C-alpha cells in the first residue's frame, strides 16, 4: 500500500501566488465568489492570469505555466496563434466592420467546411456557445417529434440550464441504482418539472439503457449524449452502435454533443471515430479558435423547421402571420455567425488540417511518460482518453466506463498532485482533464514530466 507523507502543497501554492490571493479577495467584493463562472473557482482560490503566449500562461505574480486547461479545451492552437490573429485582422480590415447584422460570405464558407468534416450535418445554424447549441438542439427535437421529455446520461454535461443540469456530478448515495439512475438536480433554482421530464440513463450499459428507452418511448423526444463522457471516458463501440439502433427503432432522435470532442478526437469528431451518424450534432470550443461560438447541424428535415416563413417579420401582427409563425421553430441571435469569430475558426481548422497528427503524437508521449512515473512510485492509475484529451485517474480499477467508476478514484491524492504541479509551473484546474495543443512539444513534455517527478517524490 502506498504511504503518503504530509505534502504542504496548499501552503506552497499560497506562498507562490500571493498576488492571486489578494486579487481573489478583492474580486469577491465585485462578483459572487469572485468569479464570473463557477467552474473557474477552486480551493483555496484560482490562479489569476495576466498573459498567454503559445503553450504558456503567466499569472499576476509573474509565474509561468505550461497550460493544459487551454480554456477547457477551446484553444487547440494555444494562445495568440499568429494564423488566428492574422485572420481576425484581415477580416476586420477587408470587411470594414466587426459585425454585419446580415448574412455574409463567411457563414457559407464555414458551413461548407463543417459539412465536409461532419457529413451528418446536412444543414447548420450558428449560435454563440455550445450551451446555446445544445439548447436549440433540444427544441428542434421537441418540434420534430412532438414529444417533450429528453433522456441524458449520468455524468454528462450539456450546459448550465434546467433541462440538462441534472445528474452531472450527483452524490452516489442520492443517485439511485446504477442501472436506473435517479435525476438529481445540480443547482438551486431548477424547476422540479425537469426532474420528472429529464430521464437519466446509465452510460455504457446498453441493456439497461434500452429497457428505460423502451419503457418511455412515447414520451422521449431525444437522447442527448457526450459520446465520450467529459471528453475523456469513451463509449464502447458496441454501446454506440446499439444506441443508434435503438433510437432509430423507437423514433427517438439521437444528439451527439461534440462541444468537447469536436476536432479533438479527430477532425471529424467522435462520430467519425465511431462511424455513426447522429440526427443532430452540436459543436463549440475549438471551432471558435478562442472566441465564443456554437454550431448545430443535422438532418435537413429537422433543421428546416427553423427556416423562416415568407412573411417572417416579427412585428407583423396580422392573424395570418401569427398562424405561420406557429409553424416555424424560432431561432435568432444578433451575434450568430459573427464574421470575426468565423474567420478565427476557419484559420484554426486550416492549421489543424496540417498539424493534428503532431497533437496526437505529443498527447500519447505525455500520457506514456506520466504512466511510467506513477508506476515508478507504485501508484495504480490510468491516463483515460483518446485523441488530444485525457485525464489522470488514480484508481486500481482496470477500466473506467462511466461516472460511477470515476467516483471510486483517489480524488484527494489527485487534488494534492494538481496543487503541487501548479507550484511547479504546470497548469490545469485541479481534477480537470488535460487538453493538448499544436504548440505543445518536446520541451513542454519534458518540463511536465520533471514537475511530476518532483511532486510525486514529495507526496509519496
Protein backbone atom coordinates (compact mmCIF):
# COMPACT_ATOMS: atom_id res chain seq x y z
CA UNK A 1 0.00 0.00 0.00
CA UNK A 2 1.26 3.48 -0.81
CA UNK A 3 2.25 5.63 2.16
CA UNK A 4 1.66 9.33 1.79
CA UNK A 5 3.69 11.90 3.70
CA UNK A 6 2.47 15.38 4.59
CA UNK A 7 2.95 17.43 1.44
CA UNK A 8 2.16 21.01 2.42
CA UNK A 9 1.17 21.55 -1.22
CA UNK A 10 -1.51 24.05 -0.28
CA UNK A 11 0.98 26.13 1.73
CA UNK A 12 3.44 26.10 -1.17
CA UNK A 13 0.69 27.16 -3.55
CA UNK A 14 -0.37 30.09 -1.35
CA UNK A 15 3.23 31.20 -0.85
CA UNK A 16 3.81 31.35 -4.60
CA UNK A 17 0.54 33.06 -5.57
CA UNK A 18 0.06 35.95 -3.14
CA UNK A 19 -0.98 38.28 -5.97
CA UNK A 20 -3.72 35.84 -6.97
CA UNK A 21 -4.80 35.56 -3.35
CA UNK A 22 -5.12 39.33 -2.99
CA UNK A 23 -6.96 39.64 -6.29
CA UNK A 24 -9.38 36.85 -5.38
CA UNK A 25 -10.24 38.54 -2.09
CA UNK A 26 -10.88 41.86 -3.86
CA UNK A 27 -12.90 40.19 -6.60
CA UNK A 28 -15.36 38.81 -4.04
CA UNK A 29 -16.43 42.39 -3.38
CA UNK A 30 -17.44 42.73 -7.04
CA UNK A 31 -18.56 39.26 -8.17
CA UNK A 32 -20.26 36.39 -6.29
CA UNK A 33 -17.44 34.15 -5.12
CA UNK A 34 -15.01 36.37 -7.01
CA UNK A 35 -15.69 34.67 -10.36
CA UNK A 36 -17.97 35.04 -13.38
CA UNK A 37 -18.38 31.27 -13.84
CA UNK A 38 -18.50 28.66 -11.09
CA UNK A 39 -16.14 26.34 -12.93
CA UNK A 40 -13.36 28.94 -12.72
CA UNK A 41 -13.18 28.63 -8.94
CA UNK A 42 -11.21 26.12 -6.87
CA UNK A 43 -9.83 25.81 -3.35
CA UNK A 44 -8.12 27.80 -1.88
CA UNK A 45 -8.52 30.33 -4.75
CA UNK A 46 -7.91 30.30 -8.52
CA UNK A 47 -4.73 31.46 -10.21
CA UNK A 48 -5.29 34.91 -11.73
CA UNK A 49 -3.75 35.02 -15.18
CA UNK A 50 -2.34 38.11 -16.87
CA UNK A 51 -0.92 36.91 -20.18
CA UNK A 52 -0.94 33.96 -22.55
CA UNK A 53 1.57 33.06 -25.25
CA UNK A 54 1.83 29.80 -27.16
CA UNK A 55 1.71 26.90 -24.72
CA UNK A 56 2.13 29.15 -21.68
CA UNK A 57 0.13 31.25 -19.24
CA UNK A 58 1.60 33.90 -16.94
CA UNK A 59 -0.07 34.91 -13.68
CA UNK A 60 -0.19 38.23 -11.79
CA UNK A 61 2.79 37.09 -9.69
CA UNK A 62 4.93 36.53 -12.78
CA UNK A 63 4.81 32.74 -12.59
CA UNK A 64 4.85 30.86 -15.89
CA UNK A 65 2.77 27.72 -16.53
CA UNK A 66 2.54 25.13 -19.28
CA UNK A 67 -1.18 25.38 -20.00
CA UNK A 68 -3.10 22.11 -20.27
CA UNK A 69 -6.50 23.57 -19.45
CA UNK A 70 -6.47 25.65 -22.67
CA UNK A 71 -9.74 27.33 -21.74
CA UNK A 72 -11.34 23.92 -21.16
CA UNK A 73 -10.04 22.65 -24.48
CA UNK A 74 -11.04 25.58 -26.69
CA UNK A 75 -7.52 26.72 -27.61
CA UNK A 76 -6.26 23.83 -29.72
CA UNK A 77 -3.66 26.12 -31.31
CA UNK A 78 -2.59 27.58 -27.97
CA UNK A 79 -2.58 31.24 -27.02
CA UNK A 80 -2.35 34.00 -29.61
CA UNK A 81 -1.63 31.81 -32.62
CA UNK A 82 -0.37 34.05 -35.45
CA UNK A 83 -2.65 32.46 -38.06
CA UNK A 84 -5.71 33.27 -35.97
CA UNK A 85 -4.52 36.81 -35.25
CA UNK A 86 -3.88 37.41 -38.95
CA UNK A 87 -7.29 36.01 -39.92
CA UNK A 88 -9.06 38.28 -37.44
CA UNK A 89 -7.11 41.35 -38.53
CA UNK A 90 -7.74 40.61 -42.22
CA UNK A 91 -11.46 40.13 -41.67
CA UNK A 92 -11.81 43.47 -39.91
CA UNK A 93 -9.62 45.27 -42.44
CA UNK A 94 -11.20 43.78 -45.57
CA UNK A 95 -14.82 43.83 -44.39
CA UNK A 96 -14.54 47.16 -42.62
CA UNK A 97 -16.66 46.05 -39.68
CA UNK A 98 -16.79 43.67 -36.72
CA UNK A 99 -20.41 42.78 -37.35
CA UNK A 100 -22.80 42.94 -40.30
CA UNK A 101 -26.08 42.00 -38.68
CA UNK A 102 -26.92 40.44 -42.07
CA UNK A 103 -25.99 37.22 -43.86
CA UNK A 104 -22.39 37.22 -45.09
CA UNK A 105 -19.95 35.06 -47.07
CA UNK A 106 -18.08 33.51 -44.13
CA UNK A 107 -21.28 31.83 -42.93
CA UNK A 108 -21.38 29.83 -46.15
CA UNK A 109 -17.62 29.18 -46.20
CA UNK A 110 -17.61 27.82 -42.65
CA UNK A 111 -20.75 25.79 -43.33
CA UNK A 112 -19.13 24.05 -46.29
CA UNK A 113 -16.06 23.21 -44.22
CA UNK A 114 -18.20 21.79 -41.40
CA UNK A 115 -20.23 19.68 -43.85
CA UNK A 116 -17.01 18.34 -45.34
CA UNK A 117 -15.74 17.20 -41.94
CA UNK A 118 -19.13 16.21 -40.44
CA UNK A 119 -21.26 14.71 -43.25
CA UNK A 120 -24.17 14.12 -40.84
CA UNK A 121 -24.61 17.92 -40.64
CA UNK A 122 -26.64 18.44 -43.82
CA UNK A 123 -27.68 21.94 -42.71
CA UNK A 124 -26.20 24.14 -39.96
CA UNK A 125 -27.16 27.03 -37.72
CA UNK A 126 -24.70 29.18 -35.75
CA UNK A 127 -25.05 30.06 -32.08
CA UNK A 128 -22.85 31.88 -29.58
CA UNK A 129 -21.83 28.94 -27.40
CA UNK A 130 -22.02 25.19 -27.10
CA UNK A 131 -24.68 25.65 -24.44
CA UNK A 132 -26.87 27.59 -26.88
CA UNK A 133 -26.33 24.89 -29.49
CA UNK A 134 -27.49 22.08 -27.21
CA UNK A 135 -30.46 24.15 -26.05
CA UNK A 136 -31.52 24.69 -29.66
CA UNK A 137 -30.98 21.00 -30.44
CA UNK A 138 -33.43 20.02 -27.72
CA UNK A 139 -36.04 22.45 -29.03
CA UNK A 140 -35.63 21.05 -32.52
CA UNK A 141 -36.11 17.54 -31.16
CA UNK A 142 -39.30 18.58 -29.36
CA UNK A 143 -40.63 20.25 -32.50
CA UNK A 144 -39.73 17.40 -34.85
CA UNK A 145 -41.09 14.55 -32.72
CA UNK A 146 -43.96 16.25 -30.91
CA UNK A 147 -42.68 14.71 -27.66
CA UNK A 148 -41.38 16.71 -24.70
CA UNK A 149 -39.21 14.55 -22.50
CA UNK A 150 -35.49 14.09 -23.03
CA UNK A 151 -33.00 11.46 -21.92
CA UNK A 152 -29.42 12.19 -20.90
CA UNK A 153 -26.67 10.08 -19.37
CA UNK A 154 -25.45 10.23 -15.81
CA UNK A 155 -22.20 12.20 -15.60
CA UNK A 156 -22.70 14.03 -18.90
CA UNK A 157 -22.67 17.83 -19.09
CA UNK A 158 -24.52 19.71 -21.81
CA UNK A 159 -24.74 23.25 -20.43
CA UNK A 160 -25.88 25.16 -17.37
CA UNK A 161 -29.63 25.20 -17.95
CA UNK A 162 -32.57 23.44 -16.34
CA UNK A 163 -33.30 20.56 -18.74
CA UNK A 164 -29.78 19.10 -18.56
CA UNK A 165 -28.28 20.35 -15.28
CA UNK A 166 -29.25 17.07 -13.69
CA UNK A 167 -27.11 14.12 -12.58
CA UNK A 168 -23.85 15.63 -13.83
CA UNK A 169 -21.96 15.10 -10.54
CA UNK A 170 -24.58 13.55 -8.25
CA UNK A 171 -23.68 12.15 -4.81
CA UNK A 172 -23.76 8.39 -5.29
CA UNK A 173 -25.95 7.98 -2.20
CA UNK A 174 -28.65 10.06 -3.94
CA UNK A 175 -28.15 8.78 -7.46
CA UNK A 176 -30.28 5.62 -7.32
CA UNK A 177 -29.41 2.18 -8.73
CA UNK A 178 -26.57 2.02 -11.25
CA UNK A 179 -28.85 0.54 -13.91
CA UNK A 180 -31.68 3.03 -13.30
CA UNK A 181 -30.21 6.36 -12.16
CA UNK A 182 -32.30 8.98 -10.39
CA UNK A 183 -32.47 12.52 -11.78
CA UNK A 184 -30.56 14.63 -9.25
CA UNK A 185 -30.58 18.43 -9.53
CA UNK A 186 -27.14 20.08 -9.71
CA UNK A 187 -28.25 23.58 -8.72
CA UNK A 188 -30.68 25.60 -6.70
CA UNK A 189 -33.46 27.23 -8.70
CA UNK A 190 -34.12 24.37 -11.12
CA UNK A 191 -37.80 23.81 -11.76
CA UNK A 192 -38.79 20.40 -10.30
CA UNK A 193 -40.62 19.81 -13.58
CA UNK A 194 -37.32 18.83 -15.15
CA UNK A 195 -36.60 16.12 -12.60
CA UNK A 196 -39.75 14.43 -13.92
CA UNK A 197 -39.18 15.17 -17.60
CA UNK A 198 -35.45 14.56 -17.95
CA UNK A 199 -34.77 10.83 -17.82
CA UNK A 200 -31.30 9.77 -16.72
CA UNK A 201 -29.60 6.82 -18.42
CA UNK A 202 -26.61 4.65 -17.40
CA UNK A 203 -23.67 5.27 -19.74
CA UNK A 204 -22.05 2.24 -21.37
CA UNK A 205 -24.84 -0.05 -20.13
CA UNK A 206 -26.78 -0.89 -23.28
CA UNK A 207 -29.19 -3.41 -21.77
CA UNK A 208 -30.38 -1.02 -19.04
CA UNK A 209 -30.48 1.94 -21.44
CA UNK A 210 -32.62 0.01 -23.90
CA UNK A 211 -35.03 -1.02 -21.16
CA UNK A 212 -35.52 2.58 -19.98
CA UNK A 213 -35.94 3.94 -23.51
CA UNK A 214 -38.49 1.31 -24.48
CA UNK A 215 -40.49 1.99 -21.33
CA UNK A 216 -40.62 5.74 -22.12
CA UNK A 217 -40.51 5.69 -25.94
CA UNK A 218 -43.81 7.52 -26.40
CA UNK A 219 -42.65 10.48 -24.31
CA UNK A 220 -38.92 10.83 -25.10
CA UNK A 221 -38.11 13.17 -27.98
CA UNK A 222 -34.35 12.69 -27.91
CA UNK A 223 -31.33 11.13 -26.30
CA UNK A 224 -28.51 13.64 -25.91
CA UNK A 225 -25.07 12.26 -25.17
CA UNK A 226 -21.42 13.10 -24.94
CA UNK A 227 -20.17 10.12 -26.98
CA UNK A 228 -17.02 10.45 -24.91
CA UNK A 229 -18.10 11.41 -21.39
CA UNK A 230 -16.45 14.61 -20.19
CA UNK A 231 -14.28 14.42 -23.30
CA UNK A 232 -12.23 11.52 -21.91
CA UNK A 233 -14.35 8.45 -20.94
CA UNK A 234 -15.17 6.77 -24.25
CA UNK A 235 -18.27 4.79 -25.00
CA UNK A 236 -17.60 1.30 -26.25
CA UNK A 237 -18.20 0.75 -29.95
CA UNK A 238 -20.90 -1.82 -29.18
CA UNK A 239 -22.69 0.65 -26.90
CA UNK A 240 -22.72 3.40 -29.53
CA UNK A 241 -23.83 1.00 -32.27
CA UNK A 242 -26.61 -0.25 -30.02
CA UNK A 243 -27.71 3.24 -29.00
CA UNK A 244 -28.00 4.30 -32.65
CA UNK A 245 -30.01 1.17 -33.47
CA UNK A 246 -32.36 1.53 -30.50
CA UNK A 247 -33.11 5.23 -31.04
CA UNK A 248 -33.88 4.64 -34.71
CA UNK A 249 -36.20 1.73 -33.87
CA UNK A 250 -38.07 3.75 -31.24
CA UNK A 251 -38.39 7.00 -33.21
CA UNK A 252 -36.18 8.90 -30.76
CA UNK A 253 -33.69 11.44 -32.12
CA UNK A 254 -30.01 10.99 -31.23
CA UNK A 255 -27.99 14.12 -30.45
CA UNK A 256 -24.21 13.99 -30.27
CA UNK A 257 -22.94 16.79 -28.05
CA UNK A 258 -19.46 17.20 -29.55
CA UNK A 259 -18.67 20.53 -27.92
CA UNK A 260 -15.70 18.87 -26.18
CA UNK A 261 -14.86 16.18 -28.72
CA UNK A 262 -15.29 18.12 -31.96
CA UNK A 263 -11.83 18.31 -33.62
CA UNK A 264 -10.13 16.93 -30.50
CA UNK A 265 -10.83 13.27 -31.16
CA UNK A 266 -10.17 13.84 -34.84
CA UNK A 267 -11.14 16.46 -37.39
CA UNK A 268 -14.47 14.65 -37.80
CA UNK A 269 -15.10 14.34 -34.08
CA UNK A 270 -16.38 11.33 -32.16
CA UNK A 271 -18.93 10.48 -34.87
CA UNK A 272 -16.06 9.83 -37.24
CA UNK A 273 -14.27 7.81 -34.56
CA UNK A 274 -17.35 5.60 -34.03
CA UNK A 275 -18.56 5.79 -37.67
CA UNK A 276 -22.05 6.77 -36.55
CA UNK A 277 -24.32 9.48 -37.95
CA UNK A 278 -26.42 11.15 -35.25
CA UNK A 279 -29.59 13.02 -36.12
CA UNK A 280 -28.22 16.27 -34.67
CA UNK A 281 -24.73 17.41 -33.69
CA UNK A 282 -23.59 20.32 -31.56
CA UNK A 283 -20.12 21.88 -31.78
CA UNK A 284 -18.34 24.66 -29.90
CA UNK A 285 -15.00 25.44 -28.21
CA UNK A 286 -12.26 24.54 -30.76
CA UNK A 287 -14.28 25.71 -33.78
CA UNK A 288 -14.18 29.28 -32.46
CA UNK A 289 -10.41 29.49 -32.21
CA UNK A 290 -10.74 31.05 -28.76
CA UNK A 291 -13.85 33.10 -29.47
CA UNK A 292 -17.40 32.24 -28.32
CA UNK A 293 -19.27 30.13 -30.85
CA UNK A 294 -21.59 27.18 -31.23
CA UNK A 295 -22.88 25.26 -34.23
CA UNK A 296 -25.82 22.91 -34.55
CA UNK A 297 -26.26 20.73 -37.58
CA UNK A 298 -28.03 17.59 -38.68
CA UNK A 299 -30.64 16.12 -40.93
CA UNK A 300 -32.16 18.55 -43.41
CA UNK A 301 -35.75 17.75 -42.46
CA UNK A 302 -35.06 18.65 -38.83
CA UNK A 303 -33.08 21.84 -39.44
CA UNK A 304 -35.64 23.07 -41.97
CA UNK A 305 -38.08 23.54 -39.09
CA UNK A 306 -36.17 26.74 -38.27
CA UNK A 307 -36.37 28.17 -41.79
CA UNK A 308 -38.29 31.47 -41.65
CA UNK A 309 -41.57 31.69 -43.47
CA UNK A 310 -42.05 34.10 -46.39
CA UNK A 311 -43.70 36.62 -44.05
CA UNK A 312 -41.34 36.37 -41.09
CA UNK A 313 -41.32 39.97 -39.86
CA UNK A 314 -41.78 39.55 -36.10
CA UNK A 315 -43.56 42.91 -35.91
CA UNK A 316 -46.25 41.83 -38.37
CA UNK A 317 -49.26 41.44 -36.09
CA UNK A 318 -51.62 40.10 -38.74
CA UNK A 319 -53.53 36.95 -37.93
CA UNK A 320 -52.10 35.21 -40.99
CA UNK A 321 -48.56 35.85 -39.82
CA UNK A 322 -49.31 34.62 -36.32
CA UNK A 323 -50.61 31.39 -37.80
CA UNK A 324 -47.49 30.91 -39.91
CA UNK A 325 -45.17 31.77 -37.03
CA UNK A 326 -46.54 28.85 -35.04
CA UNK A 327 -45.34 26.54 -37.82
CA UNK A 328 -41.76 27.82 -37.56
CA UNK A 329 -39.19 26.96 -34.91
CA UNK A 330 -37.93 30.40 -33.93
CA UNK A 331 -34.18 30.81 -33.50
CA UNK A 332 -32.26 34.05 -33.61
CA UNK A 333 -29.36 35.98 -32.14
CA UNK A 334 -27.63 39.21 -33.08
CA UNK A 335 -24.18 37.62 -32.92
CA UNK A 336 -24.98 34.30 -34.60
CA UNK A 337 -22.41 33.68 -37.34
CA UNK A 338 -20.21 36.56 -36.15
CA UNK A 339 -17.76 37.26 -39.02
CA UNK A 340 -14.69 37.81 -36.83
CA UNK A 341 -15.30 34.57 -34.97
CA UNK A 342 -15.88 32.54 -38.13
CA UNK A 343 -12.64 33.92 -39.58
CA UNK A 344 -10.80 32.77 -36.45
CA UNK A 345 -12.50 29.38 -36.62
CA UNK A 346 -11.63 28.80 -40.26
CA UNK A 347 -8.00 29.70 -39.58
CA UNK A 348 -7.97 27.23 -36.70
CA UNK A 349 -9.33 24.40 -38.85
CA UNK A 350 -6.80 25.17 -41.60
CA UNK A 351 -3.91 24.81 -39.13
CA UNK A 352 -5.34 21.64 -37.61
CA UNK A 353 -5.61 20.01 -41.03
CA UNK A 354 -1.82 20.30 -41.23
CA UNK A 355 -0.81 19.67 -37.61
CA UNK A 356 -3.37 17.46 -35.87
CA UNK A 357 -1.19 14.33 -36.08
CA UNK A 358 1.51 16.19 -34.14
CA UNK A 359 -1.04 16.91 -31.40
CA UNK A 360 -1.97 13.24 -31.12
CA UNK A 361 1.68 12.19 -31.05
CA UNK A 362 2.57 14.62 -28.25
CA UNK A 363 -0.53 13.59 -26.31
CA UNK A 364 0.46 9.91 -26.43
CA UNK A 365 4.02 10.72 -25.43
CA UNK A 366 2.87 12.71 -22.41
CA UNK A 367 0.37 10.03 -21.36
CA UNK A 368 3.02 7.32 -21.55
CA UNK A 369 5.51 9.37 -19.54
CA UNK A 370 3.00 10.10 -16.79
CA UNK A 371 2.04 6.41 -16.54
CA UNK A 372 5.69 5.39 -16.24
CA UNK A 373 6.27 7.86 -13.39
CA UNK A 374 3.25 6.63 -11.43
CA UNK A 375 4.46 3.09 -11.97
CA UNK A 376 7.87 4.05 -10.58
CA UNK A 377 6.19 5.14 -7.34
CA UNK A 378 3.89 2.13 -7.19
CA UNK A 379 0.64 4.03 -7.73
CA UNK A 380 -2.15 2.41 -9.73
CA UNK A 381 -3.65 4.84 -12.26
CA UNK A 382 -4.71 5.38 -15.84
CA UNK A 383 -4.50 8.18 -18.36
CA UNK A 384 -8.06 7.87 -19.65
CA UNK A 385 -8.90 9.37 -23.02
CA UNK A 386 -8.50 9.25 -26.78
CA UNK A 387 -7.30 11.83 -29.28
CA UNK A 388 -5.92 15.01 -27.72
CA UNK A 389 -7.79 14.84 -24.38
CA UNK A 390 -7.12 12.68 -21.34
CA UNK A 391 -7.48 12.66 -17.59
CA UNK A 392 -5.26 11.30 -14.86
CA UNK A 393 -7.39 8.84 -12.89
CA UNK A 394 -5.78 7.40 -9.78
CA UNK A 395 -7.52 4.07 -9.33
CA UNK A 396 -6.98 0.33 -9.07
CA UNK A 397 -9.87 -0.34 -11.45
CA UNK A 398 -8.80 -1.79 -14.77
CA UNK A 399 -11.33 0.18 -16.81
CA UNK A 400 -13.26 3.42 -16.35
CA UNK A 401 -16.57 3.09 -18.16
CA UNK A 402 -18.77 5.73 -16.58
CA UNK A 403 -19.35 8.29 -13.86
CA UNK A 404 -19.59 5.80 -11.01
CA UNK A 405 -16.27 4.18 -11.89
CA UNK A 406 -14.68 7.62 -11.85
CA UNK A 407 -16.10 8.35 -8.39
CA UNK A 408 -14.11 5.45 -6.96
CA UNK A 409 -10.79 7.08 -7.84
CA UNK A 410 -8.49 8.84 -5.37
CA UNK A 411 -9.59 12.47 -5.69
CA UNK A 412 -7.69 13.53 -2.55
CA UNK A 413 -4.31 12.45 -3.95
CA UNK A 414 -5.14 13.88 -7.37
CA UNK A 415 -6.04 17.25 -5.82
CA UNK A 416 -2.76 17.36 -3.88
CA UNK A 417 -0.88 16.38 -7.01
CA UNK A 418 -2.51 19.17 -9.03
CA UNK A 419 -1.74 21.82 -6.42
CA UNK A 420 1.86 20.62 -6.38
CA UNK A 421 2.06 20.78 -10.16
CA UNK A 422 0.78 24.36 -10.07
CA UNK A 423 3.73 25.29 -7.85
CA UNK A 424 5.99 23.68 -10.46
CA UNK A 425 4.52 25.60 -13.39
CA UNK A 426 2.07 23.03 -14.80
CA UNK A 427 -1.46 24.37 -15.15
CA UNK A 428 -4.79 22.72 -15.26
CA UNK A 429 -7.60 23.32 -12.84
CA UNK A 430 -7.33 20.69 -10.08
CA UNK A 431 -9.11 17.44 -11.01
CA UNK A 432 -9.68 18.61 -14.58
CA UNK A 433 -8.79 16.88 -17.84
CA UNK A 434 -5.70 17.65 -19.93
CA UNK A 435 -6.07 19.16 -23.41
CA UNK A 436 -3.11 19.29 -25.79
CA UNK A 437 -2.46 21.93 -28.47
CA UNK A 438 -0.36 22.24 -31.60
CA UNK A 439 2.09 24.41 -29.63
CA UNK A 440 2.94 21.72 -27.10
CA UNK A 441 6.21 20.00 -27.96
CA UNK A 442 9.14 18.08 -26.51
CA UNK A 443 10.15 20.97 -24.29
CA UNK A 444 6.74 21.10 -22.63
CA UNK A 445 6.55 17.31 -22.25
CA UNK A 446 9.96 17.23 -20.56
CA UNK A 447 9.05 20.13 -18.28
CA UNK A 448 5.81 18.43 -17.32
CA UNK A 449 7.39 15.07 -16.54
CA UNK A 450 10.10 16.72 -14.46
CA UNK A 451 7.39 18.50 -12.48
CA UNK A 452 5.50 15.23 -11.98
CA UNK A 453 8.69 13.56 -10.76
CA UNK A 454 9.33 16.29 -8.19
CA UNK A 455 5.77 16.42 -6.87
CA UNK A 456 5.34 12.65 -6.68
CA UNK A 457 8.62 12.34 -4.77
CA UNK A 458 7.28 14.79 -2.18
CA UNK A 459 3.84 13.22 -1.95
CA UNK A 460 4.75 9.55 -1.70
